[in-house]
Amino acid sequence: MKVSKTVLAAIAAAASGLGSGAALAENWDLPAAYPATNFHTETAVAFGACVKGATAGRVDVTVHPNGALFKGNDIKRAVQTGQAPIGERLISAHANENALFGVDSIPFLASSFDASEKLWKAARPELEKLFASQNLVYVYAVPWPPQGLYTKKAVNSVADLKGVKFRSYSVATARIAELAGMIPVQIEAADLSQALATGVADSFISSGSTGFDVKAWEYMTHFYEVDAWLPRNVVFANKDAFAKLSAADQAAMLKCGEQAATEGLAKSRALTQKYIDALAANKMTVGKPNATLKAELDAYGKTMTAEWAAKAGAGGKAIVDAYEAK
């Protein structure tokens, strides 16, 4: 059978495309636990667009928000095992695996954006080694706004919290519940609205951003600006999938990660007061804790800092020493 010159030209063009790397084009699904309108998700989408542009389309990252692809507590494992090539997770939720993952959620150790950045800079080398040991590559991290206390009633001391059903999502939140005599209830972000609506939880510690996402004013009456900590969402890639990318595309992804970290931090800073104002505008009582409550919570912070350092071992001590030395 005689093949036309047109067909031969098409075959040659296709072969040329394969040789130039077109066949290596990758569609990377990125599972995320938060709604599409959450600034972390928006940052991840912008990161994906950056990667696609920087790699000339060879790596196309698609974000799947609100636990649609994997629930929050399944995301890290899914990326480790290669079920997803990349993902975003609130890393302190895994402090039960290794205490180092909870470094950003030690109560009242780093309770401002500047302090949080300093602590993360001190912790990042140890964390990157830990990620690598779990078949993960660190890409970027973005802090949440400072965490506040949401309640259905006025709270003047921790005695007012005794017996309250408290949303727990990490080792730190579970420990605070224990110290205050609250009842911890494990609830992922995607399930929080329903838990509040059905009375599964009566109180929680989270940022103004989360409160805005779940319309906390429909269930809560008070928001106390306790500034407990600034936890981080971390985006990490499967090490094997990352290794399959060309050196240029790896560098492009990490460069886009740096950009996402910078832009996400700026957005978190800018949105902090906006979210607090939104809670107040929706008739929540918003303000700082009184002196008694603050002193009691600070005492919990000292207890939990010592407990974390004991669990984290030499690596944890090195992080705290580096943080306090700078």
C-alpha atoms as a PDB file:
ATOM      1  CA  MET A   1       0.000   0.000   0.000  1.00  0.00           C
ATOM      2  CA  LYS A   2       1.404   3.327  -0.996  1.00  0.00           C
ATOM      3  CA  VAL A   3       1.461   5.897   1.797  1.00  0.00           C
ATOM      4  CA  SER A   4       0.836   9.474   0.762  1.00  0.00           C
ATOM      5  CA  LYS A   5       3.349  12.200   1.436  1.00  0.00           C
ATOM      6  CA  THR A   6       0.778  13.934   3.659  1.00  0.00           C
ATOM      7  CA  VAL A   7       0.471  10.894   5.944  1.00  0.00           C
ATOM      8  CA  LEU A   8       4.238  10.474   6.046  1.00  0.00           C
ATOM      9  CA  ALA A   9       4.610  14.113   7.016  1.00  0.00           C
ATOM     10  CA  ALA A  10       2.068  13.698   9.815  1.00  0.00           C
ATOM     11  CA  ILE A  11       3.890  10.632  11.160  1.00  0.00           C
ATOM     12  CA  ALA A  12       7.186  12.504  11.064  1.00  0.00           C
ATOM     13  CA  ALA A  13       5.669  15.439  12.911  1.00  0.00           C
ATOM     14  CA  ALA A  14       4.265  13.151  15.587  1.00  0.00           C
ATOM     15  CA  ALA A  15       7.609  11.423  16.000  1.00  0.00           C
ATOM     16  CA  SER A  16       9.299  14.780  16.295  1.00  0.00           C
ATOM     17  CA  GLY A  17       6.835  15.792  18.992  1.00  0.00           C
ATOM     18  CA  LEU A  18       7.544  12.623  20.962  1.00  0.00           C
ATOM     19  CA  GLY A  19      11.222  13.238  20.767  1.00  0.00           C
ATOM     20  CA  SER A  20      10.923  16.815  21.938  1.00  0.00           C
ATOM     21  CA  GLY A  21       9.231  15.773  25.180  1.00  0.00           C
ATOM     22  CA  ALA A  22       5.556  16.169  24.264  1.00  0.00           C
ATOM     23  CA  ALA A  23       5.001  12.531  25.293  1.00  0.00           C
ATOM     24  CA  LEU A  24       6.325  13.396  28.728  1.00  0.00           C
ATOM     25  CA  ALA A  25       3.485  15.834  29.352  1.00  0.00           C
ATOM     26  CA  GLU A  26       2.027  15.050  32.776  1.00  0.00           C
ATOM     27  CA  ASN A  27      -1.423  15.715  34.207  1.00  0.00           C
ATOM     28  CA  TRP A  28      -0.935  16.093  37.952  1.00  0.00           C
ATOM     29  CA  ASP A  29      -4.025  15.985  40.176  1.00  0.00           C
ATOM     30  CA  LEU A  30      -3.629  17.961  43.398  1.00  0.00           C
ATOM     31  CA  PRO A  31      -6.115  16.982  46.135  1.00  0.00           C
ATOM     32  CA  ALA A  32      -6.932  19.757  48.638  1.00  0.00           C
ATOM     33  CA  ALA A  33      -9.163  19.668  51.701  1.00  0.00           C
ATOM     34  CA  TYR A  34     -10.581  23.191  51.626  1.00  0.00           C
ATOM     35  CA  PRO A  35     -13.278  24.899  49.523  1.00  0.00           C
ATOM     36  CA  ALA A  36     -12.478  26.397  46.135  1.00  0.00           C
ATOM     37  CA  THR A  37     -13.016  29.880  47.584  1.00  0.00           C
ATOM     38  CA  ASN A  38     -10.498  29.394  50.402  1.00  0.00           C
ATOM     39  CA  PHE A  39      -7.303  31.374  49.888  1.00  0.00           C
ATOM     40  CA  HIS A  40      -5.138  28.258  50.268  1.00  0.00           C
ATOM     41  CA  THR A  41      -7.009  26.601  47.418  1.00  0.00           C
ATOM     42  CA  GLU A  42      -6.785  29.756  45.339  1.00  0.00           C
ATOM     43  CA  THR A  43      -3.028  29.828  45.996  1.00  0.00           C
ATOM     44  CA  ALA A  44      -2.753  26.209  44.864  1.00  0.00           C
ATOM     45  CA  VAL A  45      -4.653  27.008  41.660  1.00  0.00           C
ATOM     46  CA  ALA A  46      -2.293  29.930  40.980  1.00  0.00           C
ATOM     47  CA  PHE A  47       0.642  27.584  41.652  1.00  0.00           C
ATOM     48  CA  GLY A  48      -0.756  25.134  39.098  1.00  0.00           C
ATOM     49  CA  ALA A  49      -1.072  27.875  36.499  1.00  0.00           C
ATOM     50  CA  CYS A  50       2.509  28.934  37.201  1.00  0.00           C
ATOM     51  CA  VAL A  51       3.778  25.376  36.763  1.00  0.00           C
ATOM     52  CA  LYS A  52       1.902  24.914  33.510  1.00  0.00           C
ATOM     53  CA  GLY A  53       3.297  28.138  32.118  1.00  0.00           C
ATOM     54  CA  ALA A  54       6.836  27.575  33.377  1.00  0.00           C
ATOM     55  CA  THR A  55       6.966  24.061  31.909  1.00  0.00           C
ATOM     56  CA  ALA A  56       5.332  25.071  28.607  1.00  0.00           C
ATOM     57  CA  GLY A  57       2.447  22.741  29.411  1.00  0.00           C
ATOM     58  CA  ARG A  58       4.579  19.684  30.116  1.00  0.00           C
ATOM     59  CA  VAL A  59       3.192  19.561  33.679  1.00  0.00           C
ATOM     60  CA  ASP A  60      -0.479  20.464  34.107  1.00  0.00           C
ATOM     61  CA  VAL A  61      -1.582  20.646  37.764  1.00  0.00           C
ATOM     62  CA  THR A  62      -5.335  20.381  38.426  1.00  0.00           C
ATOM     63  CA  VAL A  63      -6.556  21.254  41.931  1.00  0.00           C
ATOM     64  CA  HIS A  64      -9.426  19.210  43.413  1.00  0.00           C
ATOM     65  CA  PRO A  65     -10.834  21.225  46.371  1.00  0.00           C
ATOM     66  CA  ASN A  66     -12.971  20.396  49.389  1.00  0.00           C
ATOM     67  CA  GLY A  67     -11.818  16.805  49.805  1.00  0.00           C
ATOM     68  CA  ALA A  68     -13.365  15.833  46.458  1.00  0.00           C
ATOM     69  CA  LEU A  69     -10.487  13.571  45.361  1.00  0.00           C
ATOM     70  CA  PHE A  70      -9.217  12.464  48.786  1.00  0.00           C
ATOM     71  CA  LYS A  71     -10.441  13.477  52.234  1.00  0.00           C
ATOM     72  CA  GLY A  72      -8.066  15.650  54.213  1.00  0.00           C
ATOM     73  CA  ASN A  73      -6.729  12.887  56.424  1.00  0.00           C
ATOM     74  CA  ASP A  74      -6.052  10.684  53.374  1.00  0.00           C
ATOM     75  CA  ILE A  75      -4.179  13.210  51.233  1.00  0.00           C
ATOM     76  CA  LYS A  76      -0.689  12.774  52.639  1.00  0.00           C
ATOM     77  CA  ARG A  77      -0.837   8.987  52.419  1.00  0.00           C
ATOM     78  CA  ALA A  78      -2.220   9.180  48.884  1.00  0.00           C
ATOM     79  CA  VAL A  79       0.768  11.247  47.766  1.00  0.00           C
ATOM     80  CA  GLN A  80       3.283   9.077  49.627  1.00  0.00           C
ATOM     81  CA  THR A  81       1.986   5.955  47.904  1.00  0.00           C
ATOM     82  CA  GLY A  82       1.681   7.520  44.450  1.00  0.00           C
ATOM     83  CA  GLN A  83      -2.118   7.558  44.281  1.00  0.00           C
ATOM     84  CA  ALA A  84      -1.733  11.296  43.675  1.00  0.00           C
ATOM     85  CA  PRO A  85       1.469  12.936  42.421  1.00  0.00           C
ATOM     86  CA  ILE A  86       1.053  16.064  44.566  1.00  0.00           C
ATOM     87  CA  GLY A  87      -1.217  17.267  47.354  1.00  0.00           C
ATOM     88  CA  GLU A  88      -1.879  19.905  50.003  1.00  0.00           C
ATOM     89  CA  ARG A  89      -2.331  19.129  53.676  1.00  0.00           C
ATOM     90  CA  LEU A  90      -2.535  20.882  57.041  1.00  0.00           C
ATOM     91  CA  ILE A  91       0.691  19.321  58.192  1.00  0.00           C
ATOM     92  CA  SER A  92       0.125  19.586  61.950  1.00  0.00           C
ATOM     93  CA  ALA A  93      -2.703  17.080  61.521  1.00  0.00           C
ATOM     94  CA  HIS A  94       0.081  14.480  61.226  1.00  0.00           C
ATOM     95  CA  ALA A  95       1.926  15.322  64.433  1.00  0.00           C
ATOM     96  CA  ASN A  96       0.896  11.920  65.763  1.00  0.00           C
ATOM     97  CA  GLU A  97       3.196  10.389  63.105  1.00  0.00           C
ATOM     98  CA  ASN A  98       6.132  12.569  64.056  1.00  0.00           C
ATOM     99  CA  ALA A  99       6.173  15.487  66.490  1.00  0.00           C
ATOM    100  CA  LEU A 100       8.133  17.609  64.003  1.00  0.00           C
ATOM    101  CA  PHE A 101       4.975  17.908  61.895  1.00  0.00           C
ATOM    102  CA  GLY A 102       3.412  19.824  64.794  1.00  0.00           C
ATOM    103  CA  VAL A 103       6.129  22.464  65.099  1.00  0.00           C
ATOM    104  CA  ASP A 104       3.866  25.176  63.657  1.00  0.00           C
ATOM    105  CA  SER A 105       1.111  24.412  66.188  1.00  0.00           C
ATOM    106  CA  ILE A 106       2.913  24.671  69.502  1.00  0.00           C
ATOM    107  CA  PRO A 107       0.497  26.984  71.364  1.00  0.00           C
ATOM    108  CA  PHE A 108       1.715  30.538  71.839  1.00  0.00           C
ATOM    109  CA  LEU A 109       5.320  29.826  70.798  1.00  0.00           C
ATOM    110  CA  ALA A 110       4.999  31.770  67.529  1.00  0.00           C
ATOM    111  CA  SER A 111       1.711  33.665  67.504  1.00  0.00           C
ATOM    112  CA  SER A 112       2.369  36.360  64.877  1.00  0.00           C
ATOM    113  CA  PHE A 113       3.188  36.202  61.180  1.00  0.00           C
ATOM    114  CA  ASP A 114       6.765  37.377  61.700  1.00  0.00           C
ATOM    115  CA  ALA A 115       7.362  34.880  64.522  1.00  0.00           C
ATOM    116  CA  SER A 116       5.754  32.125  62.475  1.00  0.00           C
ATOM    117  CA  GLU A 117       8.051  32.806  59.529  1.00  0.00           C
ATOM    118  CA  LYS A 118      11.075  32.737  61.808  1.00  0.00           C
ATOM    119  CA  LEU A 119      10.024  29.427  63.362  1.00  0.00           C
ATOM    120  CA  TRP A 120       9.315  27.849  59.972  1.00  0.00           C
ATOM    121  CA  LYS A 121      12.701  28.963  58.640  1.00  0.00           C
ATOM    122  CA  ALA A 122      14.342  27.262  61.612  1.00  0.00           C
ATOM    123  CA  ALA A 123      12.260  24.099  61.166  1.00  0.00           C
ATOM    124  CA  ARG A 124      12.312  23.730  57.387  1.00  0.00           C
ATOM    125  CA  PRO A 125      15.652  21.862  57.008  1.00  0.00           C
ATOM    126  CA  GLU A 126      14.553  19.181  59.482  1.00  0.00           C
ATOM    127  CA  LEU A 127      11.108  18.977  57.909  1.00  0.00           C
ATOM    128  CA  GLU A 128      12.490  18.602  54.388  1.00  0.00           C
ATOM    129  CA  LYS A 129      14.598  15.652  55.579  1.00  0.00           C
ATOM    130  CA  LEU A 130      11.527  14.131  57.225  1.00  0.00           C
ATOM    131  CA  PHE A 131       9.445  14.556  54.055  1.00  0.00           C
ATOM    132  CA  ALA A 132      12.207  12.960  51.980  1.00  0.00           C
ATOM    133  CA  SER A 133      12.266   9.935  54.309  1.00  0.00           C
ATOM    134  CA  GLN A 134       8.549   9.472  53.576  1.00  0.00           C
ATOM    135  CA  ASN A 135       8.901   9.540  49.776  1.00  0.00           C
ATOM    136  CA  LEU A 136       7.832  13.190  49.584  1.00  0.00           C
ATOM    137  CA  VAL A 137       9.343  16.368  48.157  1.00  0.00           C
ATOM    138  CA  TYR A 138       8.569  19.643  49.935  1.00  0.00           C
ATOM    139  CA  VAL A 139       7.240  22.224  47.462  1.00  0.00           C
ATOM    140  CA  TYR A 140       5.852  25.123  49.521  1.00  0.00           C
ATOM    141  CA  ALA A 141       3.931  26.090  52.642  1.00  0.00           C
ATOM    142  CA  VAL A 142       1.516  28.897  53.512  1.00  0.00           C
ATOM    143  CA  PRO A 143       0.403  29.877  57.029  1.00  0.00           C
ATOM    144  CA  TRP A 144      -3.186  30.330  58.115  1.00  0.00           C
ATOM    145  CA  PRO A 145      -4.117  33.533  59.932  1.00  0.00           C
ATOM    146  CA  PRO A 146      -3.696  33.346  63.724  1.00  0.00           C
ATOM    147  CA  GLN A 147      -6.023  30.821  65.335  1.00  0.00           C
ATOM    148  CA  GLY A 148      -8.907  32.041  67.486  1.00  0.00           C
ATOM    149  CA  LEU A 149     -11.428  30.363  69.765  1.00  0.00           C
ATOM    150  CA  TYR A 150     -15.037  29.970  68.571  1.00  0.00           C
ATOM    151  CA  THR A 151     -17.720  29.308  71.198  1.00  0.00           C
ATOM    152  CA  LYS A 152     -21.491  29.288  71.633  1.00  0.00           C
ATOM    153  CA  LYS A 153     -21.276  31.300  74.845  1.00  0.00           C
ATOM    154  CA  ALA A 154     -19.143  33.834  76.665  1.00  0.00           C
ATOM    155  CA  VAL A 155     -15.963  32.321  78.080  1.00  0.00           C
ATOM    156  CA  ASN A 156     -14.249  34.101  80.968  1.00  0.00           C
ATOM    157  CA  SER A 157     -12.012  31.255  82.111  1.00  0.00           C
ATOM    158  CA  VAL A 158     -11.209  27.701  81.069  1.00  0.00           C
ATOM    159  CA  ALA A 159     -13.736  26.519  83.652  1.00  0.00           C
ATOM    160  CA  ASP A 160     -16.419  27.758  81.239  1.00  0.00           C
ATOM    161  CA  LEU A 161     -15.130  25.264  78.649  1.00  0.00           C
ATOM    162  CA  LYS A 162     -15.404  22.135  80.769  1.00  0.00           C
ATOM    163  CA  GLY A 163     -17.579  19.488  79.100  1.00  0.00           C
ATOM    164  CA  VAL A 164     -17.855  21.423  75.818  1.00  0.00           C
ATOM    165  CA  LYS A 165     -17.676  19.327  72.624  1.00  0.00           C
ATOM    166  CA  PHE A 166     -14.550  20.658  70.935  1.00  0.00           C
ATOM    167  CA  ARG A 167     -13.497  20.105  67.336  1.00  0.00           C
ATOM    168  CA  SER A 168     -10.120  18.378  67.239  1.00  0.00           C
ATOM    169  CA  TYR A 169      -8.018  18.127  64.071  1.00  0.00           C
ATOM    170  CA  SER A 170      -4.476  17.705  65.433  1.00  0.00           C
ATOM    171  CA  VAL A 171      -2.442  16.549  68.393  1.00  0.00           C
ATOM    172  CA  ALA A 172      -2.325  20.130  69.687  1.00  0.00           C
ATOM    173  CA  THR A 173      -6.093  20.685  69.566  1.00  0.00           C
ATOM    174  CA  ALA A 174      -6.733  17.305  71.199  1.00  0.00           C
ATOM    175  CA  ARG A 175      -4.280  18.139  73.993  1.00  0.00           C
ATOM    176  CA  ILE A 176      -5.858  21.556  74.606  1.00  0.00           C
ATOM    177  CA  ALA A 177      -9.231  19.853  74.895  1.00  0.00           C
ATOM    178  CA  GLU A 178      -7.791  17.431  77.434  1.00  0.00           C
ATOM    179  CA  LEU A 179      -6.153  20.154  79.526  1.00  0.00           C
ATOM    180  CA  ALA A 180      -9.339  22.261  79.575  1.00  0.00           C
ATOM    181  CA  GLY A 181     -11.665  19.347  80.328  1.00  0.00           C
ATOM    182  CA  MET A 182     -13.407  19.586  76.952  1.00  0.00           C
ATOM    183  CA  ILE A 183     -14.599  16.639  74.877  1.00  0.00           C
ATOM    184  CA  PRO A 184     -12.464  16.321  71.706  1.00  0.00           C
ATOM    185  CA  VAL A 185     -14.279  15.351  68.497  1.00  0.00           C
ATOM    186  CA  GLN A 186     -12.194  14.563  65.394  1.00  0.00           C
ATOM    187  CA  ILE A 187     -13.607  16.617  62.496  1.00  0.00           C
ATOM    188  CA  GLU A 188     -12.008  17.363  59.130  1.00  0.00           C
ATOM    189  CA  ALA A 189     -12.432  20.789  57.526  1.00  0.00           C
ATOM    190  CA  ALA A 190     -14.815  19.519  54.837  1.00  0.00           C
ATOM    191  CA  ASP A 191     -17.134  18.150  57.547  1.00  0.00           C
ATOM    192  CA  LEU A 192     -17.031  21.115  59.926  1.00  0.00           C
ATOM    193  CA  SER A 193     -20.170  22.904  58.729  1.00  0.00           C
ATOM    194  CA  GLN A 194     -22.289  19.798  59.169  1.00  0.00           C
ATOM    195  CA  ALA A 195     -20.735  19.069  62.566  1.00  0.00           C
ATOM    196  CA  LEU A 196     -21.593  22.554  63.792  1.00  0.00           C
ATOM    197  CA  ALA A 197     -25.099  22.438  62.324  1.00  0.00           C
ATOM    198  CA  THR A 198     -25.884  19.108  63.964  1.00  0.00           C
ATOM    199  CA  GLY A 199     -24.335  19.912  67.335  1.00  0.00           C
ATOM    200  CA  VAL A 200     -21.489  17.420  67.014  1.00  0.00           C
ATOM    201  CA  ALA A 201     -19.155  20.264  68.014  1.00  0.00           C
ATOM    202  CA  ASP A 202     -19.899  23.312  70.179  1.00  0.00           C
ATOM    203  CA  SER A 203     -16.509  25.001  69.988  1.00  0.00           C
ATOM    204  CA  PHE A 204     -13.336  25.002  67.926  1.00  0.00           C
ATOM    205  CA  ILE A 205     -10.020  26.756  67.448  1.00  0.00           C
ATOM    206  CA  SER A 206      -9.337  27.911  63.913  1.00  0.00           C
ATOM    207  CA  SER A 207      -8.601  30.976  61.837  1.00  0.00           C
ATOM    208  CA  GLY A 208     -11.016  33.678  60.803  1.00  0.00           C
ATOM    209  CA  SER A 209     -10.704  32.214  57.318  1.00  0.00           C
ATOM    210  CA  THR A 210     -12.213  28.879  58.347  1.00  0.00           C
ATOM    211  CA  GLY A 211     -14.904  30.649  60.350  1.00  0.00           C
ATOM    212  CA  PHE A 212     -15.796  32.657  57.270  1.00  0.00           C
ATOM    213  CA  ASP A 213     -15.837  29.548  55.055  1.00  0.00           C
ATOM    214  CA  VAL A 214     -18.261  27.687  57.343  1.00  0.00           C
ATOM    215  CA  LYS A 215     -20.347  30.779  58.227  1.00  0.00           C
ATOM    216  CA  ALA A 216     -19.550  30.277  61.890  1.00  0.00           C
ATOM    217  CA  TRP A 217     -22.017  33.011  62.874  1.00  0.00           C
ATOM    218  CA  GLU A 218     -24.853  30.633  62.061  1.00  0.00           C
ATOM    219  CA  TYR A 219     -23.757  28.383  64.948  1.00  0.00           C
ATOM    220  CA  MET A 220     -21.347  30.337  67.192  1.00  0.00           C
ATOM    221  CA  THR A 221     -21.766  33.554  69.166  1.00  0.00           C
ATOM    222  CA  HIS A 222     -18.189  34.452  70.174  1.00  0.00           C
ATOM    223  CA  PHE A 223     -14.747  34.606  68.559  1.00  0.00           C
ATOM    224  CA  TYR A 224     -11.793  35.188  70.891  1.00  0.00           C
ATOM    225  CA  GLU A 225      -8.570  36.414  69.284  1.00  0.00           C
ATOM    226  CA  VAL A 226      -6.292  34.180  71.330  1.00  0.00           C
ATOM    227  CA  ASP A 227      -3.710  33.976  68.492  1.00  0.00           C
ATOM    228  CA  ALA A 228      -2.844  30.425  69.519  1.00  0.00           C
ATOM    229  CA  TRP A 229      -0.628  29.562  66.542  1.00  0.00           C
ATOM    230  CA  LEU A 230      -0.388  29.903  62.762  1.00  0.00           C
ATOM    231  CA  PRO A 231      -0.548  26.380  61.318  1.00  0.00           C
ATOM    232  CA  ARG A 232       0.570  25.763  57.758  1.00  0.00           C
ATOM    233  CA  ASN A 233      -0.772  23.984  54.747  1.00  0.00           C
ATOM    234  CA  VAL A 234       2.089  22.273  52.963  1.00  0.00           C
ATOM    235  CA  VAL A 235       2.142  21.243  49.324  1.00  0.00           C
ATOM    236  CA  PHE A 236       4.335  18.209  48.715  1.00  0.00           C
ATOM    237  CA  ALA A 237       4.985  15.965  45.718  1.00  0.00           C
ATOM    238  CA  ASN A 238       5.521  12.230  45.440  1.00  0.00           C
ATOM    239  CA  LYS A 239       9.296  11.772  45.232  1.00  0.00           C
ATOM    240  CA  ASP A 240       9.100   9.161  42.471  1.00  0.00           C
ATOM    241  CA  ALA A 241       6.774  11.264  40.324  1.00  0.00           C
ATOM    242  CA  PHE A 242       8.963  14.310  40.880  1.00  0.00           C
ATOM    243  CA  ALA A 243      12.076  12.358  39.895  1.00  0.00           C
ATOM    244  CA  LYS A 244      10.506  11.492  36.541  1.00  0.00           C
ATOM    245  CA  LEU A 245      10.308  15.167  35.603  1.00  0.00           C
ATOM    246  CA  SER A 246      13.181  16.737  33.728  1.00  0.00           C
ATOM    247  CA  ALA A 247      15.639  18.784  35.780  1.00  0.00           C
ATOM    248  CA  ALA A 248      14.249  21.932  34.143  1.00  0.00           C
ATOM    249  CA  ASP A 249      10.666  21.051  35.061  1.00  0.00           C
ATOM    250  CA  GLN A 250      11.660  20.157  38.616  1.00  0.00           C
ATOM    251  CA  ALA A 251      13.337  23.532  38.980  1.00  0.00           C
ATOM    252  CA  ALA A 252      10.298  25.264  37.470  1.00  0.00           C
ATOM    253  CA  MET A 253       7.946  23.568  39.946  1.00  0.00           C
ATOM    254  CA  LEU A 254      10.084  24.513  42.933  1.00  0.00           C
ATOM    255  CA  LYS A 255      10.398  28.082  41.645  1.00  0.00           C
ATOM    256  CA  CYS A 256       6.607  28.284  41.340  1.00  0.00           C
ATOM    257  CA  GLY A 257       6.446  26.901  44.885  1.00  0.00           C
ATOM    258  CA  GLU A 258       8.584  29.770  46.138  1.00  0.00           C
ATOM    259  CA  GLN A 259       6.269  32.209  44.383  1.00  0.00           C
ATOM    260  CA  ALA A 260       3.185  30.520  45.867  1.00  0.00           C
ATOM    261  CA  ALA A 261       4.693  30.703  49.366  1.00  0.00           C
ATOM    262  CA  THR A 262       5.361  34.427  48.994  1.00  0.00           C
ATOM    263  CA  GLU A 263       1.949  35.219  47.509  1.00  0.00           C
ATOM    264  CA  GLY A 264       0.100  32.959  49.952  1.00  0.00           C
ATOM    265  CA  LEU A 265       1.769  34.605  52.944  1.00  0.00           C
ATOM    266  CA  ALA A 266       0.865  38.070  51.654  1.00  0.00           C
ATOM    267  CA  LYS A 267      -2.732  36.979  51.111  1.00  0.00           C
ATOM    268  CA  SER A 268      -2.969  35.445  54.579  1.00  0.00           C
ATOM    269  CA  ARG A 269      -1.697  38.656  56.152  1.00  0.00           C
ATOM    270  CA  ALA A 270      -4.079  40.804  54.124  1.00  0.00           C
ATOM    271  CA  LEU A 271      -7.138  38.662  54.810  1.00  0.00           C
ATOM    272  CA  THR A 272      -6.695  38.307  58.575  1.00  0.00           C
ATOM    273  CA  GLN A 273      -8.520  41.489  59.578  1.00  0.00           C
ATOM    274  CA  LYS A 274     -11.030  41.124  56.762  1.00  0.00           C
ATOM    275  CA  TYR A 275     -12.214  37.800  58.126  1.00  0.00           C
ATOM    276  CA  ILE A 276     -12.405  39.099  61.703  1.00  0.00           C
ATOM    277  CA  ASP A 277     -14.435  42.079  60.481  1.00  0.00           C
ATOM    278  CA  ALA A 278     -16.753  39.699  58.620  1.00  0.00           C
ATOM    279  CA  LEU A 279     -17.407  37.706  61.800  1.00  0.00           C
ATOM    280  CA  ALA A 280     -18.243  40.914  63.654  1.00  0.00           C
ATOM    281  CA  ALA A 281     -20.425  42.161  60.801  1.00  0.00           C
ATOM    282  CA  ASN A 282     -22.448  38.970  61.134  1.00  0.00           C
ATOM    283  CA  LYS A 283     -23.189  39.755  64.792  1.00  0.00           C
ATOM    284  CA  MET A 284     -20.556  37.604  66.457  1.00  0.00           C
ATOM    285  CA  THR A 285     -18.926  39.026  69.583  1.00  0.00           C
ATOM    286  CA  VAL A 286     -15.281  39.464  68.587  1.00  0.00           C
ATOM    287  CA  GLY A 287     -12.399  40.454  70.841  1.00  0.00           C
ATOM    288  CA  LYS A 288      -9.372  39.528  72.901  1.00  0.00           C
ATOM    289  CA  PRO A 289      -9.667  37.074  75.818  1.00  0.00           C
ATOM    290  CA  ASN A 290      -9.766  38.581  79.291  1.00  0.00           C
ATOM    291  CA  ALA A 291      -6.676  38.449  81.519  1.00  0.00           C
ATOM    292  CA  THR A 292      -7.781  35.292  83.337  1.00  0.00           C
ATOM    293  CA  LEU A 293      -8.466  33.268  80.204  1.00  0.00           C
ATOM    294  CA  LYS A 294      -5.276  34.506  78.539  1.00  0.00           C
ATOM    295  CA  ALA A 295      -3.141  33.548  81.550  1.00  0.00           C
ATOM    296  CA  GLU A 296      -4.695  30.079  81.690  1.00  0.00           C
ATOM    297  CA  LEU A 297      -4.161  29.498  77.972  1.00  0.00           C
ATOM    298  CA  ASP A 298      -0.573  30.769  78.199  1.00  0.00           C
ATOM    299  CA  ALA A 299       0.059  28.220  80.947  1.00  0.00           C
ATOM    300  CA  TYR A 300      -1.218  25.488  78.632  1.00  0.00           C
ATOM    301  CA  GLY A 301       1.210  26.797  76.034  1.00  0.00           C
ATOM    302  CA  LYS A 302       4.188  26.396  78.353  1.00  0.00           C
ATOM    303  CA  THR A 303       3.096  22.875  79.266  1.00  0.00           C
ATOM    304  CA  MET A 304       2.619  21.881  75.633  1.00  0.00           C
ATOM    305  CA  THR A 305       5.910  23.437  74.493  1.00  0.00           C
ATOM    306  CA  ALA A 306       7.766  21.298  77.008  1.00  0.00           C
ATOM    307  CA  GLU A 307       5.783  18.218  75.967  1.00  0.00           C
ATOM    308  CA  TRP A 308       6.484  18.839  72.283  1.00  0.00           C
ATOM    309  CA  ALA A 309      10.211  19.308  72.861  1.00  0.00           C
ATOM    310  CA  ALA A 310      10.348  16.007  74.743  1.00  0.00           C
ATOM    311  CA  LYS A 311       8.599  14.166  71.899  1.00  0.00           C
ATOM    312  CA  ALA A 312      10.552  15.845  69.098  1.00  0.00           C
ATOM    313  CA  GLY A 313      13.934  14.928  70.559  1.00  0.00           C
ATOM    314  CA  ALA A 314      17.209  16.407  69.362  1.00  0.00           C
ATOM    315  CA  GLY A 315      15.721  17.675  66.102  1.00  0.00           C
ATOM    316  CA  GLY A 316      12.984  19.546  67.937  1.00  0.00           C
ATOM    317  CA  LYS A 317      15.418  21.048  70.430  1.00  0.00           C
ATOM    318  CA  ALA A 318      17.623  22.231  67.577  1.00  0.00           C
ATOM    319  CA  ILE A 319      14.642  23.951  65.961  1.00  0.00           C
ATOM    320  CA  VAL A 320      13.550  25.739  69.143  1.00  0.00           C
ATOM    321  CA  ASP A 321      17.146  26.742  69.923  1.00  0.00           C
ATOM    322  CA  ALA A 322      17.602  28.116  66.387  1.00  0.00           C
ATOM    323  CA  TYR A 323      14.276  29.954  66.581  1.00  0.00           C
ATOM    324  CA  GLU A 324      15.024  31.545  69.934  1.00  0.00           C
ATOM    325  CA  ALA A 325      18.586  32.442  68.960  1.00  0.00           C
ATOM    326  CA  LYS A 326      17.637  34.573  65.945  1.00  0.00           C
END
